[in-house]
């Protein structure tokens, strides 16, 4: 299963997969970081679709995930996931794992086979990259083991995350 987790360095908006995961805010309003990049690349219809979801169900809580079309992206879908804000509490780690699990469950529900993930909560939400990347890789490998998806691409947005991902992934393989 480990061979089905592929570490990538680059722009997740260019991923040619069934879905990309957006590290979204609770109101799906776009913003900075990967969220802003995905909204810009997908075009204005993405924000319209997000507003419809919020109008129907209200804001998302940490750990929640919803899906929209990908619009102008190479990916057919965007899975919007709200990770926890880091405040240094133990339950935030399990909540981050739940966020990845919610995305994987949604991918299985929509029969998506290839999904690209960013390091959720490791940017503006302040998760220490070493902790966040470890949770991500463990959660994604667990999802692959459970056959929730066939292949996962973990996109690293900066050199620190890239180096940590390689180090942690190598330890998981041993």
C-alpha atoms as a PDB file:
ATOM      1  CA  UNK A   1       0.000   0.000   0.000  1.00  0.00           C
ATOM      2  CA  UNK A   2       2.873   2.377   0.685  1.00  0.00           C
ATOM      3  CA  UNK A   3       3.695   2.541  -3.025  1.00  0.00           C
ATOM      4  CA  UNK A   4       0.268   4.090  -3.551  1.00  0.00           C
ATOM      5  CA  UNK A   5       1.180   7.172  -1.492  1.00  0.00           C
ATOM      6  CA  UNK A   6       3.188   9.517  -3.676  1.00  0.00           C
ATOM      7  CA  UNK A   7       4.926  12.598  -2.304  1.00  0.00           C
ATOM      8  CA  UNK A   8       4.898  15.557  -4.680  1.00  0.00           C
ATOM      9  CA  UNK A   9       6.458  18.985  -4.553  1.00  0.00           C
ATOM     10  CA  UNK A  10       4.526  21.488  -6.584  1.00  0.00           C
ATOM     11  CA  UNK A  11       1.189  23.094  -7.315  1.00  0.00           C
ATOM     12  CA  UNK A  12      -1.785  20.989  -6.195  1.00  0.00           C
ATOM     13  CA  UNK A  13      -4.074  22.945  -8.549  1.00  0.00           C
ATOM     14  CA  UNK A  14      -2.291  21.285 -11.471  1.00  0.00           C
ATOM     15  CA  UNK A  15      -2.800  17.735 -10.171  1.00  0.00           C
ATOM     16  CA  UNK A  16      -4.471  15.487 -12.728  1.00  0.00           C
ATOM     17  CA  UNK A  17      -6.486  13.412 -10.274  1.00  0.00           C
ATOM     18  CA  UNK A  18     -10.141  12.673  -9.533  1.00  0.00           C
ATOM     19  CA  UNK A  19     -10.162  15.209  -6.677  1.00  0.00           C
ATOM     20  CA  UNK A  20      -7.930  17.647  -4.886  1.00  0.00           C
ATOM     21  CA  UNK A  21      -8.416  18.458  -1.234  1.00  0.00           C
ATOM     22  CA  UNK A  22      -8.760  22.086  -0.220  1.00  0.00           C
ATOM     23  CA  UNK A  23      -7.665  23.171   3.261  1.00  0.00           C
ATOM     24  CA  UNK A  24     -10.760  25.334   3.581  1.00  0.00           C
ATOM     25  CA  UNK A  25     -12.102  27.752   6.164  1.00  0.00           C
ATOM     26  CA  UNK A  26     -15.443  27.046   7.928  1.00  0.00           C
ATOM     27  CA  UNK A  27     -17.387  29.282   5.500  1.00  0.00           C
ATOM     28  CA  UNK A  28     -15.739  27.936   2.301  1.00  0.00           C
ATOM     29  CA  UNK A  29     -15.062  31.553   1.404  1.00  0.00           C
ATOM     30  CA  UNK A  30     -11.654  31.174  -0.213  1.00  0.00           C
ATOM     31  CA  UNK A  31      -8.734  32.923   1.375  1.00  0.00           C
ATOM     32  CA  UNK A  32      -4.975  32.619   1.407  1.00  0.00           C
ATOM     33  CA  UNK A  33      -2.604  29.733   0.921  1.00  0.00           C
ATOM     34  CA  UNK A  34      -3.824  26.609  -0.826  1.00  0.00           C
ATOM     35  CA  UNK A  35      -7.457  27.689  -0.360  1.00  0.00           C
ATOM     36  CA  UNK A  36      -6.932  30.905  -2.308  1.00  0.00           C
ATOM     37  CA  UNK A  37      -4.879  29.152  -4.981  1.00  0.00           C
ATOM     38  CA  UNK A  38      -7.613  26.544  -5.546  1.00  0.00           C
ATOM     39  CA  UNK A  39     -10.347  29.188  -5.728  1.00  0.00           C
ATOM     40  CA  UNK A  40      -8.342  31.266  -8.237  1.00  0.00           C
ATOM     41  CA  UNK A  41      -7.546  28.254 -10.416  1.00  0.00           C
ATOM     42  CA  UNK A  42     -11.092  26.814 -10.326  1.00  0.00           C
ATOM     43  CA  UNK A  43     -12.737  30.133 -11.190  1.00  0.00           C
ATOM     44  CA  UNK A  44     -15.723  32.024  -9.735  1.00  0.00           C
ATOM     45  CA  UNK A  45     -18.159  29.108 -10.052  1.00  0.00           C
ATOM     46  CA  UNK A  46     -16.340  27.371  -7.202  1.00  0.00           C
ATOM     47  CA  UNK A  47     -17.175  30.171  -4.785  1.00  0.00           C
ATOM     48  CA  UNK A  48     -20.808  30.109  -5.956  1.00  0.00           C
ATOM     49  CA  UNK A  49     -20.998  26.355  -5.288  1.00  0.00           C
ATOM     50  CA  UNK A  50     -19.420  26.859  -1.855  1.00  0.00           C
ATOM     51  CA  UNK A  51     -21.910  29.593  -0.972  1.00  0.00           C
ATOM     52  CA  UNK A  52     -24.777  27.230  -1.873  1.00  0.00           C
ATOM     53  CA  UNK A  53     -23.389  24.565   0.467  1.00  0.00           C
ATOM     54  CA  UNK A  54     -23.072  27.072   3.329  1.00  0.00           C
ATOM     55  CA  UNK A  55     -26.606  28.372   2.673  1.00  0.00           C
ATOM     56  CA  UNK A  56     -27.925  24.782   2.945  1.00  0.00           C
ATOM     57  CA  UNK A  57     -25.965  23.468   5.903  1.00  0.00           C
ATOM     58  CA  UNK A  58     -24.256  26.371   7.643  1.00  0.00           C
ATOM     59  CA  UNK A  59     -20.592  26.655   8.435  1.00  0.00           C
ATOM     60  CA  UNK A  60     -18.369  23.599   8.612  1.00  0.00           C
ATOM     61  CA  UNK A  61     -16.733  22.459  11.820  1.00  0.00           C
ATOM     62  CA  UNK A  62     -13.160  21.203  12.099  1.00  0.00           C
ATOM     63  CA  UNK A  63     -13.084  17.641  10.826  1.00  0.00           C
ATOM     64  CA  UNK A  64     -15.885  18.207   8.283  1.00  0.00           C
ATOM     65  CA  UNK A  65     -15.512  17.773   4.529  1.00  0.00           C
ATOM     66  CA  UNK A  66     -17.804  18.540   1.583  1.00  0.00           C
ATOM     67  CA  UNK A  67     -17.398  18.156  -2.170  1.00  0.00           C
ATOM     68  CA  UNK A  68     -17.912  20.433  -5.174  1.00  0.00           C
ATOM     69  CA  UNK A  69     -17.101  20.166  -8.860  1.00  0.00           C
ATOM     70  CA  UNK A  70     -13.574  21.206  -9.848  1.00  0.00           C
ATOM     71  CA  UNK A  71     -14.772  23.650 -12.519  1.00  0.00           C
ATOM     72  CA  UNK A  72     -11.613  24.984 -14.280  1.00  0.00           C
ATOM     73  CA  UNK A  73      -9.230  22.630 -12.471  1.00  0.00           C
ATOM     74  CA  UNK A  74      -7.785  19.469 -14.071  1.00  0.00           C
ATOM     75  CA  UNK A  75      -9.363  17.583 -11.122  1.00  0.00           C
ATOM     76  CA  UNK A  76     -13.032  16.717 -11.530  1.00  0.00           C
ATOM     77  CA  UNK A  77     -13.836  17.499  -7.870  1.00  0.00           C
ATOM     78  CA  UNK A  78     -12.636  19.551  -4.926  1.00  0.00           C
ATOM     79  CA  UNK A  79     -13.038  18.137  -1.430  1.00  0.00           C
ATOM     80  CA  UNK A  80     -13.158  21.053   0.991  1.00  0.00           C
ATOM     81  CA  UNK A  81     -11.918  20.082   4.459  1.00  0.00           C
ATOM     82  CA  UNK A  82     -11.739  22.202   7.578  1.00  0.00           C
ATOM     83  CA  UNK A  83      -8.849  21.266   9.792  1.00  0.00           C
ATOM     84  CA  UNK A  84      -8.368  22.350  13.388  1.00  0.00           C
ATOM     85  CA  UNK A  85      -6.526  25.494  14.427  1.00  0.00           C
ATOM     86  CA  UNK A  86      -3.451  24.573  16.477  1.00  0.00           C
ATOM     87  CA  UNK A  87      -3.613  25.716  20.075  1.00  0.00           C
ATOM     88  CA  UNK A  88      -1.292  23.046  21.440  1.00  0.00           C
ATOM     89  CA  UNK A  89      -3.972  20.658  22.701  1.00  0.00           C
ATOM     90  CA  UNK A  90      -3.873  16.880  22.277  1.00  0.00           C
ATOM     91  CA  UNK A  91      -7.415  16.634  20.861  1.00  0.00           C
ATOM     92  CA  UNK A  92      -6.357  18.788  17.887  1.00  0.00           C
ATOM     93  CA  UNK A  93      -4.170  15.931  16.678  1.00  0.00           C
ATOM     94  CA  UNK A  94      -7.081  13.473  16.621  1.00  0.00           C
ATOM     95  CA  UNK A  95      -9.280  16.141  15.031  1.00  0.00           C
ATOM     96  CA  UNK A  96      -6.721  16.564  12.236  1.00  0.00           C
ATOM     97  CA  UNK A  97      -6.732  12.781  11.687  1.00  0.00           C
ATOM     98  CA  UNK A  98     -10.540  12.941  11.556  1.00  0.00           C
ATOM     99  CA  UNK A  99     -10.280  15.642   8.873  1.00  0.00           C
ATOM    100  CA  UNK A 100      -8.196  13.365   6.634  1.00  0.00           C
ATOM    101  CA  UNK A 101     -10.580  10.468   7.356  1.00  0.00           C
ATOM    102  CA  UNK A 102     -13.597  12.604   6.367  1.00  0.00           C
ATOM    103  CA  UNK A 103     -11.935  13.379   3.040  1.00  0.00           C
ATOM    104  CA  UNK A 104     -11.114   9.720   2.395  1.00  0.00           C
ATOM    105  CA  UNK A 105     -14.658   8.644   3.284  1.00  0.00           C
ATOM    106  CA  UNK A 106     -16.074  11.238   0.882  1.00  0.00           C
ATOM    107  CA  UNK A 107     -13.696  10.028  -1.832  1.00  0.00           C
ATOM    108  CA  UNK A 108     -14.933   6.463  -1.333  1.00  0.00           C
ATOM    109  CA  UNK A 109     -18.571   7.611  -1.383  1.00  0.00           C
ATOM    110  CA  UNK A 110     -18.011   9.337  -4.741  1.00  0.00           C
ATOM    111  CA  UNK A 111     -15.902   6.416  -6.041  1.00  0.00           C
ATOM    112  CA  UNK A 112     -12.830   8.605  -6.488  1.00  0.00           C
ATOM    113  CA  UNK A 113      -9.660   6.606  -7.007  1.00  0.00           C
ATOM    114  CA  UNK A 114      -6.879   9.229  -7.161  1.00  0.00           C
ATOM    115  CA  UNK A 115      -6.880  12.098  -4.652  1.00  0.00           C
ATOM    116  CA  UNK A 116      -4.327  14.851  -3.981  1.00  0.00           C
ATOM    117  CA  UNK A 117      -3.956  16.266  -0.462  1.00  0.00           C
ATOM    118  CA  UNK A 118      -2.127  19.280   0.936  1.00  0.00           C
ATOM    119  CA  UNK A 119      -0.733  19.437   4.475  1.00  0.00           C
ATOM    120  CA  UNK A 120      -4.045  20.445   6.094  1.00  0.00           C
ATOM    121  CA  UNK A 121      -3.791  22.960   8.962  1.00  0.00           C
ATOM    122  CA  UNK A 122      -0.001  23.364   8.557  1.00  0.00           C
ATOM    123  CA  UNK A 123      -0.242  26.859   7.105  1.00  0.00           C
ATOM    124  CA  UNK A 124      -2.492  29.627   8.420  1.00  0.00           C
ATOM    125  CA  UNK A 125      -4.000  27.291  11.050  1.00  0.00           C
ATOM    126  CA  UNK A 126      -0.608  27.015  12.743  1.00  0.00           C
ATOM    127  CA  UNK A 127      -0.158  23.244  13.101  1.00  0.00           C
ATOM    128  CA  UNK A 128       3.525  22.458  13.655  1.00  0.00           C
ATOM    129  CA  UNK A 129       4.573  20.877  10.343  1.00  0.00           C
ATOM    130  CA  UNK A 130       6.322  17.938  12.056  1.00  0.00           C
ATOM    131  CA  UNK A 131       3.086  16.995  13.857  1.00  0.00           C
ATOM    132  CA  UNK A 132       0.744  17.795  10.956  1.00  0.00           C
ATOM    133  CA  UNK A 133       2.738  15.897   8.336  1.00  0.00           C
ATOM    134  CA  UNK A 134       3.027  12.832  10.606  1.00  0.00           C
ATOM    135  CA  UNK A 135      -0.754  12.816  11.116  1.00  0.00           C
ATOM    136  CA  UNK A 136      -1.287  13.269   7.372  1.00  0.00           C
ATOM    137  CA  UNK A 137       0.959  10.409   6.290  1.00  0.00           C
ATOM    138  CA  UNK A 138      -0.347   8.025   8.954  1.00  0.00           C
ATOM    139  CA  UNK A 139      -3.973   8.885   8.073  1.00  0.00           C
ATOM    140  CA  UNK A 140      -3.415   8.573   4.327  1.00  0.00           C
ATOM    141  CA  UNK A 141      -1.609   5.231   4.644  1.00  0.00           C
ATOM    142  CA  UNK A 142      -4.457   3.978   6.838  1.00  0.00           C
ATOM    143  CA  UNK A 143      -6.988   5.068   4.173  1.00  0.00           C
ATOM    144  CA  UNK A 144      -5.026   3.212   1.500  1.00  0.00           C
ATOM    145  CA  UNK A 145      -4.889   0.086   3.678  1.00  0.00           C
ATOM    146  CA  UNK A 146      -8.681   0.242   4.061  1.00  0.00           C
ATOM    147  CA  UNK A 147      -9.016   0.615   0.268  1.00  0.00           C
ATOM    148  CA  UNK A 148     -10.862   3.923   0.587  1.00  0.00           C
ATOM    149  CA  UNK A 149      -8.932   5.172  -2.466  1.00  0.00           C
ATOM    150  CA  UNK A 150      -6.413   3.602  -4.850  1.00  0.00           C
ATOM    151  CA  UNK A 151      -3.743   6.285  -4.929  1.00  0.00           C
ATOM    152  CA  UNK A 152      -2.952   9.368  -2.853  1.00  0.00           C
ATOM    153  CA  UNK A 153      -0.696  12.245  -3.787  1.00  0.00           C
ATOM    154  CA  UNK A 154       0.604  14.331  -0.888  1.00  0.00           C
ATOM    155  CA  UNK A 155       1.538  17.791  -2.133  1.00  0.00           C
ATOM    156  CA  UNK A 156       4.165  19.700  -0.192  1.00  0.00           C
ATOM    157  CA  UNK A 157       3.981  23.454  -0.508  1.00  0.00           C
ATOM    158  CA  UNK A 158       7.386  24.323   0.896  1.00  0.00           C
ATOM    159  CA  UNK A 159      10.789  22.809   1.472  1.00  0.00           C
ATOM    160  CA  UNK A 160      10.267  22.205   5.207  1.00  0.00           C
ATOM    161  CA  UNK A 161       7.075  20.209   4.606  1.00  0.00           C
ATOM    162  CA  UNK A 162       8.717  18.361   1.689  1.00  0.00           C
ATOM    163  CA  UNK A 163      11.721  17.328   3.810  1.00  0.00           C
ATOM    164  CA  UNK A 164       9.522  16.286   6.747  1.00  0.00           C
ATOM    165  CA  UNK A 165       7.230  14.276   4.477  1.00  0.00           C
ATOM    166  CA  UNK A 166      10.157  12.365   2.999  1.00  0.00           C
ATOM    167  CA  UNK A 167      11.634  11.677   6.439  1.00  0.00           C
ATOM    168  CA  UNK A 168       8.330  10.557   8.022  1.00  0.00           C
ATOM    169  CA  UNK A 169       7.303   8.490   5.000  1.00  0.00           C
ATOM    170  CA  UNK A 170      10.672   6.685   5.058  1.00  0.00           C
ATOM    171  CA  UNK A 171      10.196   5.857   8.760  1.00  0.00           C
ATOM    172  CA  UNK A 172       6.685   4.510   8.047  1.00  0.00           C
ATOM    173  CA  UNK A 173       8.093   2.224   5.335  1.00  0.00           C
ATOM    174  CA  UNK A 174      10.602   0.617   7.704  1.00  0.00           C
END
